Amino acid sequence: MLRIHFSPQDLARTRISPRPHPMWEALLSLYRLRRRDGEIVFDEWRGSVRPKVPSSTRLLTTLVPQSGYAADFLTPMTENFCLAEGLEALRRTPKRRLRADLSVLGRDRRLPAWATTLADGRADAVGQIADAVDQYFTACLAPYWTHIRGRVDQEHARQAQLVAEGGFERLFADLHPSARWHYPVLCLSYPVDQDLHLGGRGLRLVPSFFCQGMPTTLLDGDLEPVLLYPIGHTVGWSTGDRTRPLASLLGRTRARVLETIGERPCTTSEVARRTDTSLPTASQQASALRAAGLVASRQNGQSVLHSITSLGLALLAGATQ
């Protein structure tokens, strides 16, 4: 059982994430990819992405076993829940964190030789792990990220309404069928017996698309407190032409550009490459979407970085329902 200990200050500092955490979703999806649970919801996704899994993912499966503990350092908490920020934070993981997590992993299994290099904190070794996460996310999660973001956005809105109507007591009761709230302790089903003392830091609640069954948290109680918990799904979410409903509204190319930017922030040249269009066409389409309030753009060095707005996300999410 997981027992989370609150103080009045912790309740005041508890918040619900309005968006999915890309690093956590990558980690949890690795569990889903190698297990058979949630067949109705995840089997089509598994069948679709398995041929696309990059070879570098084998590095991650060492750090994320098929069951049990996964390295805490793979899911750094950042301000904006942005993949780029998460990857950068991963690259800056201190040696003590790497050694502590690998020590836990090594209790139950023999780690490969490269884990010693990683434990030494070598930048190239940590960089390979970050690159592997990036490649896995791009191949297996990015094509579905618009739907994932849309579902988490809907869950956030629903739970914010619960808090408004009944406070955290109502929210905690709704988090999971196993949740039991007896102030100051929230109890949840968990694979191991664990206590999380918040100590005035509050709790970050993160609705998770790929979390299945029980909620999950970090092993190290000194890290920022976070609780991932599963959300509901629609059957068949991973199949079909997700841009077709928008194509008749925006045009096929513009709809594809919007979906591409919705998957992850990208530069104009990345939009052109991923949509198989020319650079001038990608720039023109991004400008039109920006003028409509569906995309936001900002200078990023020598490039322009495009990201989807809440209006654009709502439009994409509606098209995937």
C-alpha atoms as a PDB file:
ATOM      1  CA  MET A   1       0.000   0.000   0.000  1.00  0.00           C
ATOM      2  CA  LEU A   2       1.084   3.578  -0.696  1.00  0.00           C
ATOM      3  CA  ARG A   3       0.427   6.053   2.110  1.00  0.00           C
ATOM      4  CA  ILE A   4       0.790   9.761   1.317  1.00  0.00           C
ATOM      5  CA  HIS A   5       1.006  11.989   4.395  1.00  0.00           C
ATOM      6  CA  PHE A   6      -0.385  15.521   4.094  1.00  0.00           C
ATOM      7  CA  SER A   7      -0.256  18.646   6.234  1.00  0.00           C
ATOM      8  CA  PRO A   8      -2.509  21.691   5.724  1.00  0.00           C
ATOM      9  CA  GLN A   9       0.371  23.289   3.791  1.00  0.00           C
ATOM     10  CA  ASP A  10       0.582  20.223   1.541  1.00  0.00           C
ATOM     11  CA  LEU A  11      -3.108  20.422   0.675  1.00  0.00           C
ATOM     12  CA  ALA A  12      -2.694  24.098  -0.200  1.00  0.00           C
ATOM     13  CA  ARG A  13       0.236  23.233  -2.495  1.00  0.00           C
ATOM     14  CA  THR A  14      -1.314  20.201  -4.189  1.00  0.00           C
ATOM     15  CA  ARG A  15      -2.094  20.771  -7.877  1.00  0.00           C
ATOM     16  CA  ILE A  16      -3.298  18.829 -10.896  1.00  0.00           C
ATOM     17  CA  SER A  17      -1.172  18.866 -14.029  1.00  0.00           C
ATOM     18  CA  PRO A  18      -3.054  20.238 -17.064  1.00  0.00           C
ATOM     19  CA  ARG A  19      -0.922  18.276 -19.517  1.00  0.00           C
ATOM     20  CA  PRO A  20       0.777  14.877 -19.786  1.00  0.00           C
ATOM     21  CA  HIS A  21       4.376  14.456 -18.671  1.00  0.00           C
ATOM     22  CA  PRO A  22       6.266  13.225 -21.766  1.00  0.00           C
ATOM     23  CA  MET A  23       9.095  11.554 -19.841  1.00  0.00           C
ATOM     24  CA  TRP A  24       6.689   9.673 -17.580  1.00  0.00           C
ATOM     25  CA  GLU A  25       4.512   8.680 -20.543  1.00  0.00           C
ATOM     26  CA  ALA A  26       7.574   7.311 -22.343  1.00  0.00           C
ATOM     27  CA  LEU A  27       8.526   5.254 -19.285  1.00  0.00           C
ATOM     28  CA  LEU A  28       5.022   3.959 -18.597  1.00  0.00           C
ATOM     29  CA  SER A  29       4.422   3.155 -22.261  1.00  0.00           C
ATOM     30  CA  LEU A  30       7.505   0.900 -22.160  1.00  0.00           C
ATOM     31  CA  TYR A  31       5.697  -1.160 -19.526  1.00  0.00           C
ATOM     32  CA  ARG A  32       2.563  -1.268 -21.693  1.00  0.00           C
ATOM     33  CA  LEU A  33       4.574  -2.237 -24.770  1.00  0.00           C
ATOM     34  CA  ARG A  34       6.052  -5.342 -23.126  1.00  0.00           C
ATOM     35  CA  ARG A  35       3.047  -6.482 -21.099  1.00  0.00           C
ATOM     36  CA  ARG A  36      -0.331  -7.861 -22.109  1.00  0.00           C
ATOM     37  CA  ASP A  37      -2.474  -5.814 -19.726  1.00  0.00           C
ATOM     38  CA  GLY A  38      -5.084  -3.466 -21.122  1.00  0.00           C
ATOM     39  CA  GLU A  39      -5.500  -5.503 -24.313  1.00  0.00           C
ATOM     40  CA  ILE A  40      -8.661  -3.747 -25.472  1.00  0.00           C
ATOM     41  CA  VAL A  41      -7.124  -0.300 -25.082  1.00  0.00           C
ATOM     42  CA  PHE A  42      -3.468  -0.823 -25.993  1.00  0.00           C
ATOM     43  CA  ASP A  43      -3.156  -3.865 -28.312  1.00  0.00           C
ATOM     44  CA  GLU A  44      -3.691  -1.899 -31.533  1.00  0.00           C
ATOM     45  CA  TRP A  45      -1.078   0.626 -30.427  1.00  0.00           C
ATOM     46  CA  ARG A  46       1.346  -2.177 -29.544  1.00  0.00           C
ATOM     47  CA  GLY A  47       0.922  -3.792 -32.940  1.00  0.00           C
ATOM     48  CA  SER A  48       1.378  -0.477 -34.714  1.00  0.00           C
ATOM     49  CA  VAL A  49       4.533   0.703 -32.935  1.00  0.00           C
ATOM     50  CA  ARG A  50       6.461  -2.536 -32.382  1.00  0.00           C
ATOM     51  CA  PRO A  51       7.956  -2.536 -35.903  1.00  0.00           C
ATOM     52  CA  LYS A  52       9.028   1.088 -35.352  1.00  0.00           C
ATOM     53  CA  VAL A  53      10.739   0.717 -31.973  1.00  0.00           C
ATOM     54  CA  PRO A  54      14.304   2.092 -32.378  1.00  0.00           C
ATOM     55  CA  SER A  55      17.216  -0.228 -31.612  1.00  0.00           C
ATOM     56  CA  SER A  56      18.423   2.238 -28.971  1.00  0.00           C
ATOM     57  CA  THR A  57      15.361   1.349 -26.863  1.00  0.00           C
ATOM     58  CA  ARG A  58      17.282  -1.681 -25.578  1.00  0.00           C
ATOM     59  CA  LEU A  59      19.209   0.769 -23.353  1.00  0.00           C
ATOM     60  CA  LEU A  60      15.933   1.889 -21.808  1.00  0.00           C
ATOM     61  CA  THR A  61      14.613  -1.612 -21.152  1.00  0.00           C
ATOM     62  CA  THR A  62      17.562  -2.161 -18.822  1.00  0.00           C
ATOM     63  CA  LEU A  63      16.501   0.887 -16.808  1.00  0.00           C
ATOM     64  CA  VAL A  64      12.783   0.077 -17.121  1.00  0.00           C
ATOM     65  CA  PRO A  65      12.382  -3.664 -16.421  1.00  0.00           C
ATOM     66  CA  GLN A  66       9.203  -5.412 -17.467  1.00  0.00           C
ATOM     67  CA  SER A  67       7.946  -5.093 -13.904  1.00  0.00           C
ATOM     68  CA  GLY A  68       8.998  -3.422 -10.701  1.00  0.00           C
ATOM     69  CA  TYR A  69      11.209  -0.408 -10.101  1.00  0.00           C
ATOM     70  CA  ALA A  70      12.332   1.847 -12.959  1.00  0.00           C
ATOM     71  CA  ALA A  71      15.124   4.397 -12.549  1.00  0.00           C
ATOM     72  CA  ASP A  72      13.789   7.611 -10.993  1.00  0.00           C
ATOM     73  CA  PHE A  73      16.209   9.766 -12.999  1.00  0.00           C
ATOM     74  CA  LEU A  74      14.343   8.946 -16.233  1.00  0.00           C
ATOM     75  CA  THR A  75      11.412  11.160 -15.218  1.00  0.00           C
ATOM     76  CA  PRO A  76      12.793  14.550 -14.093  1.00  0.00           C
ATOM     77  CA  MET A  77      10.150  17.116 -13.193  1.00  0.00           C
ATOM     78  CA  THR A  78      10.367  20.349 -15.190  1.00  0.00           C
ATOM     79  CA  GLU A  79       8.323  23.522 -15.176  1.00  0.00           C
ATOM     80  CA  ASN A  80       6.463  23.113 -18.476  1.00  0.00           C
ATOM     81  CA  PHE A  81       6.262  19.315 -18.901  1.00  0.00           C
ATOM     82  CA  CYS A  82       8.059  19.754 -22.233  1.00  0.00           C
ATOM     83  CA  LEU A  83       9.997  16.892 -23.837  1.00  0.00           C
ATOM     84  CA  ALA A  84      12.973  19.119 -24.698  1.00  0.00           C
ATOM     85  CA  GLU A  85      13.178  20.361 -21.102  1.00  0.00           C
ATOM     86  CA  GLY A  86      12.882  16.828 -19.771  1.00  0.00           C
ATOM     87  CA  LEU A  87      15.662  15.553 -22.023  1.00  0.00           C
ATOM     88  CA  GLU A  88      17.920  18.438 -21.015  1.00  0.00           C
ATOM     89  CA  ALA A  89      17.233  17.762 -17.324  1.00  0.00           C
ATOM     90  CA  LEU A  90      18.021  14.090 -17.916  1.00  0.00           C
ATOM     91  CA  ARG A  91      21.373  15.024 -19.481  1.00  0.00           C
ATOM     92  CA  ARG A  92      22.189  17.033 -16.327  1.00  0.00           C
ATOM     93  CA  THR A  93      21.436  14.174 -13.907  1.00  0.00           C
ATOM     94  CA  PRO A  94      24.035  14.292 -11.099  1.00  0.00           C
ATOM     95  CA  LYS A  95      26.303  11.312 -10.545  1.00  0.00           C
ATOM     96  CA  ARG A  96      24.887  10.596  -7.075  1.00  0.00           C
ATOM     97  CA  ARG A  97      21.373  10.243  -8.555  1.00  0.00           C
ATOM     98  CA  LEU A  98      22.607   7.883 -11.269  1.00  0.00           C
ATOM     99  CA  ARG A  99      24.496   5.735  -8.782  1.00  0.00           C
ATOM    100  CA  ALA A 100      21.613   5.587  -6.325  1.00  0.00           C
ATOM    101  CA  ASP A 101      19.091   4.497  -8.962  1.00  0.00           C
ATOM    102  CA  LEU A 102      21.410   1.962 -10.596  1.00  0.00           C
ATOM    103  CA  SER A 103      22.180   0.533  -7.167  1.00  0.00           C
ATOM    104  CA  VAL A 104      18.471  -0.131  -6.634  1.00  0.00           C
ATOM    105  CA  LEU A 105      18.138  -1.686 -10.097  1.00  0.00           C
ATOM    106  CA  GLY A 106      21.166  -3.896  -9.444  1.00  0.00           C
ATOM    107  CA  ARG A 107      19.663  -5.500  -6.349  1.00  0.00           C
ATOM    108  CA  ASP A 108      17.448  -7.867  -8.332  1.00  0.00           C
ATOM    109  CA  ARG A 109      19.316  -8.266 -11.608  1.00  0.00           C
ATOM    110  CA  ARG A 110      22.745  -8.147 -13.150  1.00  0.00           C
ATOM    111  CA  LEU A 111      23.303  -4.897 -15.037  1.00  0.00           C
ATOM    112  CA  PRO A 112      25.267  -4.728 -18.317  1.00  0.00           C
ATOM    113  CA  ALA A 113      28.809  -3.361 -18.395  1.00  0.00           C
ATOM    114  CA  TRP A 114      27.727  -0.004 -19.823  1.00  0.00           C
ATOM    115  CA  ALA A 115      25.789   0.687 -16.617  1.00  0.00           C
ATOM    116  CA  THR A 116      29.138   1.218 -14.856  1.00  0.00           C
ATOM    117  CA  THR A 117      29.977   3.991 -17.303  1.00  0.00           C
ATOM    118  CA  LEU A 118      26.559   5.499 -16.727  1.00  0.00           C
ATOM    119  CA  ALA A 119      27.006   5.322 -12.946  1.00  0.00           C
ATOM    120  CA  ASP A 120      30.253   7.274 -13.334  1.00  0.00           C
ATOM    121  CA  GLY A 121      28.202  10.141 -14.736  1.00  0.00           C
ATOM    122  CA  ARG A 122      29.975  10.309 -18.089  1.00  0.00           C
ATOM    123  CA  ALA A 123      28.234  12.842 -20.315  1.00  0.00           C
ATOM    124  CA  ASP A 124      28.345  10.582 -23.375  1.00  0.00           C
ATOM    125  CA  ALA A 125      26.696   7.710 -21.492  1.00  0.00           C
ATOM    126  CA  VAL A 126      23.939   9.906 -20.065  1.00  0.00           C
ATOM    127  CA  GLY A 127      23.532  11.495 -23.496  1.00  0.00           C
ATOM    128  CA  GLN A 128      22.925   8.088 -25.067  1.00  0.00           C
ATOM    129  CA  ILE A 129      20.083   7.468 -22.629  1.00  0.00           C
ATOM    130  CA  ALA A 130      18.539  10.871 -23.379  1.00  0.00           C
ATOM    131  CA  ASP A 131      18.867  10.234 -27.123  1.00  0.00           C
ATOM    132  CA  ALA A 132      17.206   6.841 -26.702  1.00  0.00           C
ATOM    133  CA  VAL A 133      14.243   8.425 -24.897  1.00  0.00           C
ATOM    134  CA  ASP A 134      13.951  11.046 -27.636  1.00  0.00           C
ATOM    135  CA  GLN A 135      14.070   8.450 -30.420  1.00  0.00           C
ATOM    136  CA  TYR A 136      11.555   6.201 -28.689  1.00  0.00           C
ATOM    137  CA  PHE A 137       9.167   9.089 -28.042  1.00  0.00           C
ATOM    138  CA  THR A 138       9.400  10.264 -31.656  1.00  0.00           C
ATOM    139  CA  ALA A 139       8.691   6.804 -33.071  1.00  0.00           C
ATOM    140  CA  CYS A 140       6.113   5.457 -30.630  1.00  0.00           C
ATOM    141  CA  LEU A 141       4.390   8.356 -28.865  1.00  0.00           C
ATOM    142  CA  ALA A 142       4.638  11.478 -31.020  1.00  0.00           C
ATOM    143  CA  PRO A 143       2.174  10.247 -33.687  1.00  0.00           C
ATOM    144  CA  TYR A 144      -0.466   9.897 -30.947  1.00  0.00           C
ATOM    145  CA  TRP A 145       0.504  12.858 -28.771  1.00  0.00           C
ATOM    146  CA  THR A 146      -2.365  15.058 -29.907  1.00  0.00           C
ATOM    147  CA  HIS A 147      -4.878  12.486 -28.693  1.00  0.00           C
ATOM    148  CA  ILE A 148      -2.923  11.874 -25.478  1.00  0.00           C
ATOM    149  CA  ARG A 149      -2.804  15.593 -24.707  1.00  0.00           C
ATOM    150  CA  GLY A 150      -6.465  15.974 -25.492  1.00  0.00           C
ATOM    151  CA  ARG A 151      -7.502  13.173 -23.145  1.00  0.00           C
ATOM    152  CA  VAL A 152      -5.363  14.502 -20.297  1.00  0.00           C
ATOM    153  CA  ASP A 153      -6.739  17.991 -20.893  1.00  0.00           C
ATOM    154  CA  GLN A 154     -10.278  16.629 -20.580  1.00  0.00           C
ATOM    155  CA  GLU A 155      -9.373  14.779 -17.387  1.00  0.00           C
ATOM    156  CA  HIS A 156      -7.795  17.902 -15.906  1.00  0.00           C
ATOM    157  CA  ALA A 157     -10.932  19.924 -16.606  1.00  0.00           C
ATOM    158  CA  ARG A 158     -13.133  17.231 -15.062  1.00  0.00           C
ATOM    159  CA  GLN A 159     -11.046  16.977 -11.911  1.00  0.00           C
ATOM    160  CA  ALA A 160     -10.730  20.741 -11.533  1.00  0.00           C
ATOM    161  CA  GLN A 161     -14.524  20.767 -11.468  1.00  0.00           C
ATOM    162  CA  LEU A 162     -14.502  18.097  -8.745  1.00  0.00           C
ATOM    163  CA  VAL A 163     -12.220  20.246  -6.598  1.00  0.00           C
ATOM    164  CA  ALA A 164     -14.446  23.267  -7.171  1.00  0.00           C
ATOM    165  CA  GLU A 165     -17.534  21.304  -6.122  1.00  0.00           C
ATOM    166  CA  GLY A 166     -16.228  19.195  -3.258  1.00  0.00           C
ATOM    167  CA  GLY A 167     -12.638  20.113  -2.452  1.00  0.00           C
ATOM    168  CA  PHE A 168      -9.744  17.670  -2.306  1.00  0.00           C
ATOM    169  CA  GLU A 169     -11.814  15.110  -0.417  1.00  0.00           C
ATOM    170  CA  ARG A 170     -13.970  14.726  -3.528  1.00  0.00           C
ATOM    171  CA  LEU A 171     -10.923  14.661  -5.806  1.00  0.00           C
ATOM    172  CA  PHE A 172      -9.027  12.056  -3.778  1.00  0.00           C
ATOM    173  CA  ALA A 173     -12.080   9.789  -3.710  1.00  0.00           C
ATOM    174  CA  ASP A 174     -12.187   9.964  -7.517  1.00  0.00           C
ATOM    175  CA  LEU A 175      -8.490   9.338  -8.188  1.00  0.00           C
ATOM    176  CA  HIS A 176      -8.619   5.551  -8.107  1.00  0.00           C
ATOM    177  CA  PRO A 177     -11.004   2.807  -6.921  1.00  0.00           C
ATOM    178  CA  SER A 178      -8.551   1.913  -4.147  1.00  0.00           C
ATOM    179  CA  ALA A 179      -8.208   5.486  -2.829  1.00  0.00           C
ATOM    180  CA  ARG A 180      -9.075   6.003   0.829  1.00  0.00           C
ATOM    181  CA  TRP A 181      -8.768   9.494   2.326  1.00  0.00           C
ATOM    182  CA  HIS A 182      -8.625   9.822   6.106  1.00  0.00           C
ATOM    183  CA  TYR A 183      -6.927  13.109   6.869  1.00  0.00           C
ATOM    184  CA  PRO A 184      -3.977  13.455   6.944  1.00  0.00           C
ATOM    185  CA  VAL A 185      -3.267  10.254   4.975  1.00  0.00           C
ATOM    186  CA  LEU A 186      -4.272   9.214   1.448  1.00  0.00           C
ATOM    187  CA  CYS A 187      -4.010   5.424   0.993  1.00  0.00           C
ATOM    188  CA  LEU A 188      -3.785   3.732  -2.414  1.00  0.00           C
ATOM    189  CA  SER A 189      -3.150   0.203  -3.656  1.00  0.00           C
ATOM    190  CA  TYR A 190       0.528  -0.226  -4.534  1.00  0.00           C
ATOM    191  CA  PRO A 191       2.847  -3.144  -5.379  1.00  0.00           C
ATOM    192  CA  VAL A 192       5.041  -2.451  -2.328  1.00  0.00           C
ATOM    193  CA  ASP A 193       4.557  -0.931   1.114  1.00  0.00           C
ATOM    194  CA  GLN A 194       5.669   2.708   0.902  1.00  0.00           C
ATOM    195  CA  ASP A 195       5.149   5.952   2.827  1.00  0.00           C
ATOM    196  CA  LEU A 196       5.496   9.350   1.156  1.00  0.00           C
ATOM    197  CA  HIS A 197       5.831  12.241   3.607  1.00  0.00           C
ATOM    198  CA  LEU A 198       5.194  15.474   1.712  1.00  0.00           C
ATOM    199  CA  GLY A 199       6.698  17.713   4.386  1.00  0.00           C
ATOM    200  CA  GLY A 200       5.074  20.924   3.187  1.00  0.00           C
ATOM    201  CA  ARG A 201       6.110  20.453  -0.455  1.00  0.00           C
ATOM    202  CA  GLY A 202       2.633  19.613  -1.718  1.00  0.00           C
ATOM    203  CA  LEU A 203       1.815  16.919  -4.270  1.00  0.00           C
ATOM    204  CA  ARG A 204       1.768  17.130  -8.044  1.00  0.00           C
ATOM    205  CA  LEU A 205      -1.067  14.985  -9.402  1.00  0.00           C
ATOM    206  CA  VAL A 206      -0.432  13.917 -12.988  1.00  0.00           C
ATOM    207  CA  PRO A 207      -3.186  12.225 -15.031  1.00  0.00           C
ATOM    208  CA  SER A 208      -1.423   9.610 -17.151  1.00  0.00           C
ATOM    209  CA  PHE A 209      -2.441   8.022 -20.432  1.00  0.00           C
ATOM    210  CA  PHE A 210      -0.159   4.980 -20.191  1.00  0.00           C
ATOM    211  CA  CYS A 211      -0.487   4.387 -16.453  1.00  0.00           C
ATOM    212  CA  GLN A 212      -2.485   1.183 -16.057  1.00  0.00           C
ATOM    213  CA  GLY A 213      -3.929  -0.440 -12.967  1.00  0.00           C
ATOM    214  CA  MET A 214      -2.445   1.143  -9.858  1.00  0.00           C
ATOM    215  CA  PRO A 215      -1.117   4.707  -9.512  1.00  0.00           C
ATOM    216  CA  THR A 216       2.658   5.151  -9.359  1.00  0.00           C
ATOM    217  CA  THR A 217       5.193   7.472  -7.787  1.00  0.00           C
ATOM    218  CA  LEU A 218       8.944   7.817  -7.307  1.00  0.00           C
ATOM    219  CA  LEU A 219      10.864   5.606  -4.898  1.00  0.00           C
ATOM    220  CA  ASP A 220      13.038   8.419  -3.528  1.00  0.00           C
ATOM    221  CA  GLY A 221      10.926  10.497  -1.160  1.00  0.00           C
ATOM    222  CA  ASP A 222      13.424  13.375  -1.321  1.00  0.00           C
ATOM    223  CA  LEU A 223      12.523  14.093  -4.958  1.00  0.00           C
ATOM    224  CA  GLU A 224       9.607  16.374  -5.848  1.00  0.00           C
ATOM    225  CA  PRO A 225       6.462  14.479  -4.778  1.00  0.00           C
ATOM    226  CA  VAL A 226       4.405  13.289  -7.722  1.00  0.00           C
ATOM    227  CA  LEU A 227       1.553  10.819  -8.201  1.00  0.00           C
ATOM    228  CA  LEU A 228       0.718   9.415 -11.637  1.00  0.00           C
ATOM    229  CA  TYR A 229      -2.707   7.823 -11.971  1.00  0.00           C
ATOM    230  CA  PRO A 230      -4.581   6.211 -14.889  1.00  0.00           C
ATOM    231  CA  ILE A 231      -7.269   7.950 -16.925  1.00  0.00           C
ATOM    232  CA  GLY A 232     -10.063   6.455 -19.029  1.00  0.00           C
ATOM    233  CA  HIS A 233      -9.677   5.628 -22.722  1.00  0.00           C
ATOM    234  CA  THR A 234     -11.703   5.185 -25.866  1.00  0.00           C
ATOM    235  CA  VAL A 235     -11.332   1.945 -27.818  1.00  0.00           C
ATOM    236  CA  GLY A 236      -9.622   2.356 -31.186  1.00  0.00           C
ATOM    237  CA  TRP A 237      -7.829   5.590 -30.288  1.00  0.00           C
ATOM    238  CA  SER A 238      -4.631   4.549 -32.064  1.00  0.00           C
ATOM    239  CA  THR A 239      -6.165   3.745 -35.463  1.00  0.00           C
ATOM    240  CA  GLY A 240      -7.714   5.687 -38.270  1.00  0.00           C
ATOM    241  CA  ASP A 241      -6.853   8.868 -40.154  1.00  0.00           C
ATOM    242  CA  ARG A 242      -6.715  11.440 -37.385  1.00  0.00           C
ATOM    243  CA  THR A 243      -6.488  14.379 -39.802  1.00  0.00           C
ATOM    244  CA  ARG A 244      -9.458  13.471 -42.009  1.00  0.00           C
ATOM    245  CA  PRO A 245     -12.104  15.454 -40.076  1.00  0.00           C
ATOM    246  CA  LEU A 246      -9.849  18.501 -40.097  1.00  0.00           C
ATOM    247  CA  ALA A 247      -8.832  18.150 -43.726  1.00  0.00           C
ATOM    248  CA  SER A 248     -12.269  19.175 -44.950  1.00  0.00           C
ATOM    249  CA  LEU A 249     -12.156  22.201 -42.659  1.00  0.00           C
ATOM    250  CA  LEU A 250      -8.562  23.391 -43.048  1.00  0.00           C
ATOM    251  CA  GLY A 251      -7.333  21.553 -46.113  1.00  0.00           C
ATOM    252  CA  ARG A 252      -5.220  18.403 -46.038  1.00  0.00           C
ATOM    253  CA  THR A 253      -1.785  20.050 -45.880  1.00  0.00           C
ATOM    254  CA  ARG A 254      -2.736  22.592 -43.233  1.00  0.00           C
ATOM    255  CA  ALA A 255      -4.421  19.897 -41.126  1.00  0.00           C
ATOM    256  CA  ARG A 256      -1.279  17.769 -41.284  1.00  0.00           C
ATOM    257  CA  VAL A 257       0.891  20.749 -40.302  1.00  0.00           C
ATOM    258  CA  LEU A 258      -1.356  21.449 -37.318  1.00  0.00           C
ATOM    259  CA  GLU A 259      -1.213  17.828 -36.190  1.00  0.00           C
ATOM    260  CA  THR A 260       2.571  17.768 -36.611  1.00  0.00           C
ATOM    261  CA  ILE A 261       3.016  20.845 -34.436  1.00  0.00           C
ATOM    262  CA  GLY A 262       0.547  19.355 -31.963  1.00  0.00           C
ATOM    263  CA  GLU A 263       2.696  16.246 -31.583  1.00  0.00           C
ATOM    264  CA  ARG A 264       5.636  18.305 -30.270  1.00  0.00           C
ATOM    265  CA  PRO A 265       7.002  21.851 -30.744  1.00  0.00           C
ATOM    266  CA  CYS A 266       9.089  22.021 -33.894  1.00  0.00           C
ATOM    267  CA  THR A 267      10.883  24.442 -36.180  1.00  0.00           C
ATOM    268  CA  THR A 268       9.706  25.353 -39.665  1.00  0.00           C
ATOM    269  CA  SER A 269      12.293  23.074 -41.241  1.00  0.00           C
ATOM    270  CA  GLU A 270      11.135  20.194 -39.016  1.00  0.00           C
ATOM    271  CA  VAL A 271       7.530  20.834 -40.053  1.00  0.00           C
ATOM    272  CA  ALA A 272       8.589  20.704 -43.706  1.00  0.00           C
ATOM    273  CA  ARG A 273      10.523  17.470 -43.224  1.00  0.00           C
ATOM    274  CA  ARG A 274       7.842  15.687 -41.196  1.00  0.00           C
ATOM    275  CA  THR A 275       4.981  16.700 -43.512  1.00  0.00           C
ATOM    276  CA  ASP A 276       6.997  16.156 -46.696  1.00  0.00           C
ATOM    277  CA  THR A 277       6.404  19.713 -47.908  1.00  0.00           C
ATOM    278  CA  SER A 278       8.725  22.471 -49.061  1.00  0.00           C
ATOM    279  CA  LEU A 279      10.120  24.982 -46.580  1.00  0.00           C
ATOM    280  CA  PRO A 280       8.101  27.894 -48.069  1.00  0.00           C
ATOM    281  CA  THR A 281       4.900  25.817 -47.888  1.00  0.00           C
ATOM    282  CA  ALA A 282       5.550  24.845 -44.275  1.00  0.00           C
ATOM    283  CA  SER A 283       6.227  28.476 -43.381  1.00  0.00           C
ATOM    284  CA  GLN A 284       3.071  29.664 -45.149  1.00  0.00           C
ATOM    285  CA  GLN A 285       0.873  27.048 -43.456  1.00  0.00           C
ATOM    286  CA  ALA A 286       2.341  27.775 -40.019  1.00  0.00           C
ATOM    287  CA  SER A 287       1.725  31.493 -40.545  1.00  0.00           C
ATOM    288  CA  ALA A 288      -1.914  30.846 -41.451  1.00  0.00           C
ATOM    289  CA  LEU A 289      -2.393  28.676 -38.371  1.00  0.00           C
ATOM    290  CA  ARG A 290      -0.752  31.325 -36.212  1.00  0.00           C
ATOM    291  CA  ALA A 291      -3.062  34.009 -37.608  1.00  0.00           C
ATOM    292  CA  ALA A 292      -6.029  31.803 -36.668  1.00  0.00           C
ATOM    293  CA  GLY A 293      -4.764  31.423 -33.095  1.00  0.00           C
ATOM    294  CA  LEU A 294      -4.105  27.697 -33.464  1.00  0.00           C
ATOM    295  CA  VAL A 295      -0.312  27.930 -33.299  1.00  0.00           C
ATOM    296  CA  ALA A 296       2.149  30.146 -31.427  1.00  0.00           C
ATOM    297  CA  SER A 297       5.609  30.898 -32.823  1.00  0.00           C
ATOM    298  CA  ARG A 298       8.743  32.331 -31.251  1.00  0.00           C
ATOM    299  CA  GLN A 299      12.317  32.930 -32.280  1.00  0.00           C
ATOM    300  CA  ASN A 300      14.647  30.151 -31.146  1.00  0.00           C
ATOM    301  CA  GLY A 301      18.178  31.078 -32.150  1.00  0.00           C
ATOM    302  CA  GLN A 302      18.342  31.059 -35.934  1.00  0.00           C
ATOM    303  CA  SER A 303      15.048  29.186 -36.215  1.00  0.00           C
ATOM    304  CA  VAL A 304      11.372  29.794 -35.471  1.00  0.00           C
ATOM    305  CA  LEU A 305       9.814  27.321 -33.038  1.00  0.00           C
ATOM    306  CA  HIS A 306       6.101  26.555 -33.427  1.00  0.00           C
ATOM    307  CA  SER A 307       3.897  25.127 -30.659  1.00  0.00           C
ATOM    308  CA  ILE A 308       0.198  24.418 -30.493  1.00  0.00           C
ATOM    309  CA  THR A 309      -2.129  26.710 -28.520  1.00  0.00           C
ATOM    310  CA  SER A 310      -4.969  25.608 -26.269  1.00  0.00           C
ATOM    311  CA  LEU A 311      -7.387  26.465 -29.090  1.00  0.00           C
ATOM    312  CA  GLY A 312      -5.430  24.354 -31.555  1.00  0.00           C
ATOM    313  CA  LEU A 313      -5.270  21.490 -29.094  1.00  0.00           C
ATOM    314  CA  ALA A 314      -9.020  21.654 -28.524  1.00  0.00           C
ATOM    315  CA  LEU A 315      -9.606  21.538 -32.277  1.00  0.00           C
ATOM    316  CA  LEU A 316      -7.339  18.519 -32.703  1.00  0.00           C
ATOM    317  CA  ALA A 317      -8.768  16.739 -29.680  1.00  0.00           C
ATOM    318  CA  GLY A 318     -12.285  17.221 -30.996  1.00  0.00           C
ATOM    319  CA  ALA A 319     -11.282  15.751 -34.342  1.00  0.00           C
ATOM    320  CA  THR A 320      -9.928  12.589 -32.704  1.00  0.00           C
ATOM    321  CA  GLN A 321     -12.993  11.793 -30.615  1.00  0.00           C
END
